[in-house]
Protein backbone atom coordinates (compact mmCIF):
# COMPACT_ATOMS: atom_id res chain seq x y z
CA MET A 1 -6.67 -8.88 8.55
CA SER A 2 -6.87 -9.43 4.98
CA CYS A 3 -3.88 -7.35 4.14
CA THR A 4 -1.69 -9.04 6.59
CA ARG A 5 -2.80 -12.35 5.40
CA ALA A 6 -2.07 -10.95 1.51
CA GLN A 7 1.53 -9.50 2.35
CA GLU A 8 2.59 -12.66 4.29
CA PHE A 9 1.48 -14.87 1.08
CA LEU A 10 3.43 -12.20 -1.23
CA GLU A 11 6.43 -12.82 1.27
CA ARG A 12 6.07 -16.56 1.53
CA LYS A 13 5.93 -17.60 -2.23
CA LYS A 14 8.67 -14.44 -3.26
CA ILE A 15 6.16 -12.56 -5.63
CA ASP A 16 7.25 -9.20 -6.85
CA THR A 17 4.05 -6.93 -7.27
CA VAL A 18 4.49 -4.01 -9.85
CA GLU A 19 2.69 -1.69 -7.56
CA GLN A 20 0.44 -2.11 -4.14
CA VAL A 21 -1.73 0.55 -2.75
CA ASN A 22 -1.82 1.25 1.26
CA ALA A 23 -5.41 2.18 0.92
CA LYS A 24 -5.30 3.20 4.89
CA GLN A 25 -2.56 5.52 4.03
CA THR A 26 -3.42 6.91 0.91
CA LYS A 27 -7.26 7.53 0.22
CA PHE A 28 -8.86 6.32 -3.25
CA GLY A 29 -12.30 7.50 -3.95
CA LEU A 30 -14.06 6.57 -6.88
CA ASP A 31 -12.33 8.63 -9.32
CA GLU A 32 -8.97 7.56 -8.09
CA ALA A 33 -10.38 3.89 -8.08
CA VAL A 34 -11.38 4.00 -11.62
CA GLU A 35 -8.34 5.43 -12.77
CA LEU A 36 -6.59 2.40 -10.94
CA ALA A 37 -8.71 0.04 -13.35
CA SER A 38 -8.16 1.40 -16.58
CA LYS A 39 -4.31 0.84 -16.63
CA VAL A 40 -5.29 -3.30 -16.24
CA LYS A 41 -6.99 -5.58 -18.57
CA GLU A 42 -8.20 -8.11 -15.79
CA LEU A 43 -10.25 -7.32 -12.39
CA TYR A 44 -10.59 -9.97 -9.66
CA VAL A 45 -12.29 -8.80 -6.74
CA LEU A 46 -11.96 -11.04 -3.53
CA LYS A 47 -14.74 -11.16 -0.50
CA GLY A 48 -13.65 -14.21 1.61
CA THR A 49 -14.69 -17.29 -0.78
CA LYS A 50 -16.70 -14.82 -3.35
CA VAL A 51 -13.98 -14.26 -6.71
CA VAL A 52 -15.66 -11.76 -9.46
CA HIS A 53 -13.55 -11.91 -12.40
CA VAL A 54 -14.24 -9.18 -14.95
CA ASP A 55 -12.08 -8.97 -18.55
CA LEU A 56 -11.83 -5.31 -19.07
CA LYS A 57 -10.88 -6.16 -22.41
CA LYS A 58 -14.36 -7.40 -23.43
CA GLU A 59 -16.47 -6.20 -20.61
CA LYS A 60 -17.03 -2.61 -19.73
CA PRO A 61 -18.61 -1.87 -16.51
CA SER A 62 -19.96 1.54 -15.16
CA ARG A 63 -18.10 4.01 -13.07
CA GLU A 64 -20.75 2.67 -10.54
CA GLU A 65 -20.36 -0.92 -11.37
CA LEU A 66 -16.68 -0.56 -10.51
CA GLY A 67 -17.53 1.52 -7.40
CA LYS A 68 -19.42 -0.98 -6.45
CA LEU A 69 -16.62 -3.80 -6.62
CA LEU A 70 -13.51 -1.75 -5.32
CA LEU A 71 -14.95 0.58 -2.78
CA GLY A 72 -15.88 -0.40 0.67
CA PRO A 73 -18.58 0.67 2.78
CA THR A 74 -16.28 4.10 3.86
CA GLY A 75 -16.10 4.83 -0.14
CA ASN A 76 -12.56 4.10 0.11
CA LEU A 77 -10.40 1.54 -1.89
CA ARG A 78 -11.03 -2.02 -0.66
CA ALA A 79 -7.62 -3.28 0.76
CA PRO A 80 -5.73 -5.00 -0.09
CA THR A 81 -5.43 -3.88 -3.71
CA ILE A 82 -2.54 -5.52 -5.78
CA ILE A 83 -1.38 -4.70 -9.67
CA GLN A 84 0.72 -7.21 -11.41
CA GLY A 85 0.84 -6.64 -14.68
CA ASP A 86 -2.52 -6.12 -16.29
CA THR A 87 -3.99 -7.75 -13.34
CA LEU A 88 -5.24 -5.77 -10.61
CA LEU A 89 -6.40 -7.89 -7.34
CA VAL A 90 -8.49 -6.15 -4.52
CA GLY A 91 -9.12 -8.60 -1.59
CA PHE A 92 -7.44 -11.56 -0.33
CA ASN A 93 -8.11 -15.09 -1.68
CA GLN A 94 -5.23 -17.61 -1.26
CA ASP A 95 -6.51 -19.77 -3.92
CA THR A 96 -7.20 -16.99 -6.36
CA TYR A 97 -3.85 -15.19 -5.50
CA GLU A 98 -2.06 -18.69 -5.99
CA LYS A 99 -3.73 -18.84 -9.66
CA VAL A 100 -3.26 -15.62 -10.52
CA LEU A 101 -0.08 -14.44 -9.42
CA HIS A 102 1.75 -17.81 -10.71
CA LYS A 103 1.17 -17.20 -13.81
């Protein structure tokens, strides 16, 4: 459901993302998720109304900490996952998408 809402939001706002990861088609485990996070400077993890922001330039979370943020209960990357510029968004929260993707 959150993937559909995220895609609708992106289309409605005409936002082009650099990269979208379809975690249902491509399985991303801990190694792949950590590699994905290494490409960005900011991480937003969105779970309903809860938003966790990590400034990856200043903070250096461990692999295990990143795994807890990025992976779902199946051990795969949570969806939706979007990279735009130096920002990685995992999950969907409309307010955060508005704030982060309209920079």
